[in-house]
N, C-alpha and C. Protein backbone atom coordinates (compact mmCIF):
# COMPACT_ATOMS: atom_id res chain seq x y z
N UNK A 1 85.26 103.85 78.83
CA UNK A 1 84.58 102.58 78.74
C UNK A 1 83.11 102.66 79.16
N UNK A 2 82.74 103.80 79.74
CA UNK A 2 81.35 103.93 80.15
C UNK A 2 80.43 103.85 78.94
N UNK A 3 79.42 103.03 79.07
CA UNK A 3 78.47 102.89 77.99
C UNK A 3 78.91 101.95 76.88
N UNK A 4 80.11 101.43 76.97
CA UNK A 4 80.63 100.51 75.95
C UNK A 4 80.57 99.08 76.48
N UNK A 5 80.15 98.15 75.66
CA UNK A 5 80.09 96.76 76.09
C UNK A 5 81.12 95.89 75.38
N UNK A 6 81.83 96.45 74.42
CA UNK A 6 82.78 95.63 73.66
C UNK A 6 83.96 95.17 74.50
N UNK A 7 84.27 95.89 75.58
CA UNK A 7 85.39 95.47 76.43
C UNK A 7 85.16 94.09 77.02
N UNK A 8 83.92 93.65 77.15
CA UNK A 8 83.59 92.38 77.79
C UNK A 8 83.70 91.19 76.84
N UNK A 9 83.83 91.41 75.55
CA UNK A 9 83.84 90.31 74.58
C UNK A 9 84.90 89.26 74.89
N UNK A 10 86.17 89.61 75.13
CA UNK A 10 87.16 88.57 75.42
C UNK A 10 86.86 87.80 76.71
N UNK A 11 86.32 88.49 77.71
CA UNK A 11 86.01 87.81 78.96
C UNK A 11 84.85 86.84 78.78
N UNK A 12 83.86 87.24 78.00
CA UNK A 12 82.74 86.35 77.70
C UNK A 12 83.23 85.16 76.89
N UNK A 13 84.07 85.39 75.90
CA UNK A 13 84.60 84.31 75.06
C UNK A 13 85.43 83.32 75.88
N UNK A 14 86.13 83.81 76.88
CA UNK A 14 86.96 82.94 77.73
C UNK A 14 86.14 82.27 78.83
N UNK A 15 84.88 82.63 78.95
CA UNK A 15 84.02 82.05 79.97
C UNK A 15 84.23 82.65 81.35
N UNK A 16 84.82 83.82 81.42
CA UNK A 16 85.14 84.44 82.71
C UNK A 16 84.17 85.55 83.11
N UNK A 17 83.26 85.92 82.24
CA UNK A 17 82.38 87.05 82.54
C UNK A 17 81.45 86.74 83.71
N UNK A 18 80.89 85.54 83.75
CA UNK A 18 79.98 85.19 84.85
C UNK A 18 80.72 85.14 86.18
N UNK A 19 81.93 84.60 86.18
CA UNK A 19 82.72 84.56 87.40
C UNK A 19 83.05 85.97 87.88
N UNK A 20 83.39 86.84 86.96
CA UNK A 20 83.67 88.23 87.32
C UNK A 20 82.45 88.89 87.94
N UNK A 21 81.28 88.61 87.40
CA UNK A 21 80.04 89.16 87.96
C UNK A 21 79.79 88.61 89.36
N UNK A 22 80.09 87.33 89.56
CA UNK A 22 79.93 86.72 90.88
C UNK A 22 80.87 87.37 91.90
N UNK A 23 82.13 87.58 91.50
CA UNK A 23 83.10 88.20 92.40
C UNK A 23 82.70 89.64 92.72
N UNK A 24 82.19 90.35 91.75
CA UNK A 24 81.72 91.72 91.98
C UNK A 24 80.54 91.72 92.93
N UNK A 25 79.66 90.75 92.80
CA UNK A 25 78.51 90.64 93.69
C UNK A 25 78.95 90.41 95.13
N UNK A 26 79.97 89.58 95.32
CA UNK A 26 80.51 89.35 96.66
C UNK A 26 81.07 90.65 97.22
N UNK A 27 81.81 91.37 96.41
CA UNK A 27 82.38 92.66 96.84
C UNK A 27 81.28 93.63 97.26
N UNK A 28 80.21 93.68 96.49
CA UNK A 28 79.12 94.61 96.78
C UNK A 28 78.37 94.27 98.07
N UNK A 29 78.41 93.01 98.50
CA UNK A 29 77.69 92.58 99.70
C UNK A 29 78.44 92.90 100.99
N UNK A 30 79.75 93.10 100.90
CA UNK A 30 80.56 93.34 102.09
C UNK A 30 80.72 94.83 102.35
N UNK A 31 80.86 95.20 103.62
CA UNK A 31 81.12 96.61 103.93
C UNK A 31 82.46 97.05 103.34
N UNK A 32 82.55 98.30 102.98
CA UNK A 32 83.80 98.84 102.43
C UNK A 32 84.80 99.02 103.56
N UNK A 33 86.06 99.03 103.20
CA UNK A 33 87.11 99.31 104.18
C UNK A 33 88.03 98.13 104.40
N UNK A 34 89.22 98.45 104.81
CA UNK A 34 90.27 97.45 104.99
C UNK A 34 89.93 96.44 106.08
N UNK A 35 89.06 96.79 107.01
CA UNK A 35 88.71 95.88 108.09
C UNK A 35 88.05 94.61 107.57
N UNK A 36 87.54 94.64 106.35
CA UNK A 36 86.84 93.49 105.79
C UNK A 36 87.63 92.82 104.66
N UNK A 37 88.89 93.18 104.50
CA UNK A 37 89.71 92.62 103.43
C UNK A 37 89.84 91.10 103.53
N UNK A 38 90.09 90.60 104.73
CA UNK A 38 90.23 89.15 104.89
C UNK A 38 88.94 88.42 104.54
N UNK A 39 87.83 88.98 104.97
CA UNK A 39 86.53 88.39 104.66
C UNK A 39 86.32 88.35 103.14
N UNK A 40 86.71 89.42 102.46
CA UNK A 40 86.58 89.48 101.01
C UNK A 40 87.47 88.44 100.34
N UNK A 41 88.71 88.37 100.75
CA UNK A 41 89.64 87.40 100.16
C UNK A 41 89.14 85.98 100.39
N UNK A 42 88.67 85.69 101.60
CA UNK A 42 88.15 84.35 101.90
C UNK A 42 86.93 84.03 101.04
N UNK A 43 86.04 85.00 100.85
CA UNK A 43 84.84 84.78 100.04
C UNK A 43 85.21 84.57 98.58
N UNK A 44 86.15 85.36 98.06
CA UNK A 44 86.59 85.18 96.68
C UNK A 44 87.29 83.84 96.52
N UNK A 45 88.12 83.46 97.48
CA UNK A 45 88.81 82.17 97.41
C UNK A 45 87.79 81.03 97.36
N UNK A 46 86.75 81.12 98.16
CA UNK A 46 85.71 80.09 98.14
C UNK A 46 85.01 80.05 96.79
N UNK A 47 84.76 81.21 96.20
CA UNK A 47 84.06 81.28 94.92
C UNK A 47 84.86 80.66 93.78
N UNK A 48 86.19 80.74 93.87
CA UNK A 48 87.01 80.22 92.76
C UNK A 48 87.72 78.91 93.13
N UNK A 49 87.32 78.32 94.25
CA UNK A 49 87.86 77.02 94.63
C UNK A 49 89.27 77.05 95.16
N UNK A 50 89.65 78.13 95.81
CA UNK A 50 91.02 78.24 96.33
C UNK A 50 91.07 78.27 97.85
N UNK A 51 89.98 77.86 98.49
CA UNK A 51 89.97 77.80 99.95
C UNK A 51 91.05 76.83 100.40
N UNK A 52 91.85 77.25 101.36
CA UNK A 52 92.91 76.40 101.87
C UNK A 52 94.22 76.52 101.13
N UNK A 53 94.29 77.36 100.11
CA UNK A 53 95.52 77.54 99.34
C UNK A 53 96.44 78.55 99.99
N UNK A 54 96.01 79.18 101.05
CA UNK A 54 96.81 80.22 101.70
C UNK A 54 96.54 80.16 103.20
N UNK A 55 97.40 80.81 103.96
CA UNK A 55 97.26 80.88 105.41
C UNK A 55 97.42 82.33 105.83
N UNK A 56 96.51 82.79 106.67
CA UNK A 56 96.62 84.15 107.18
C UNK A 56 97.70 84.18 108.25
N UNK A 57 98.55 85.17 108.19
CA UNK A 57 99.61 85.37 109.16
C UNK A 57 99.28 86.62 109.97
N UNK A 58 99.30 86.53 111.30
CA UNK A 58 98.97 87.71 112.11
C UNK A 58 99.88 88.89 111.80
N UNK A 59 99.28 90.05 111.76
CA UNK A 59 100.02 91.29 111.51
C UNK A 59 100.81 91.67 112.75
N UNK A 60 102.08 91.97 112.56
CA UNK A 60 102.93 92.43 113.66
C UNK A 60 103.65 93.69 113.19
N UNK A 61 103.26 94.85 113.76
CA UNK A 61 103.89 96.11 113.32
C UNK A 61 105.36 96.19 113.71
């Protein structure tokens, strides 16, 4: 898929390409690693209007 742009046609037609770019931008702004997973999920949830649709449960090994 490198160098090909045709893969994006269905996403653009469905109106999802801009949202995908926004979500990727959020991902790129956060540090890598599992320690930031919750922050990423919360940021993505805010971007797509799903804040409050889930509850974090403390991890218990």
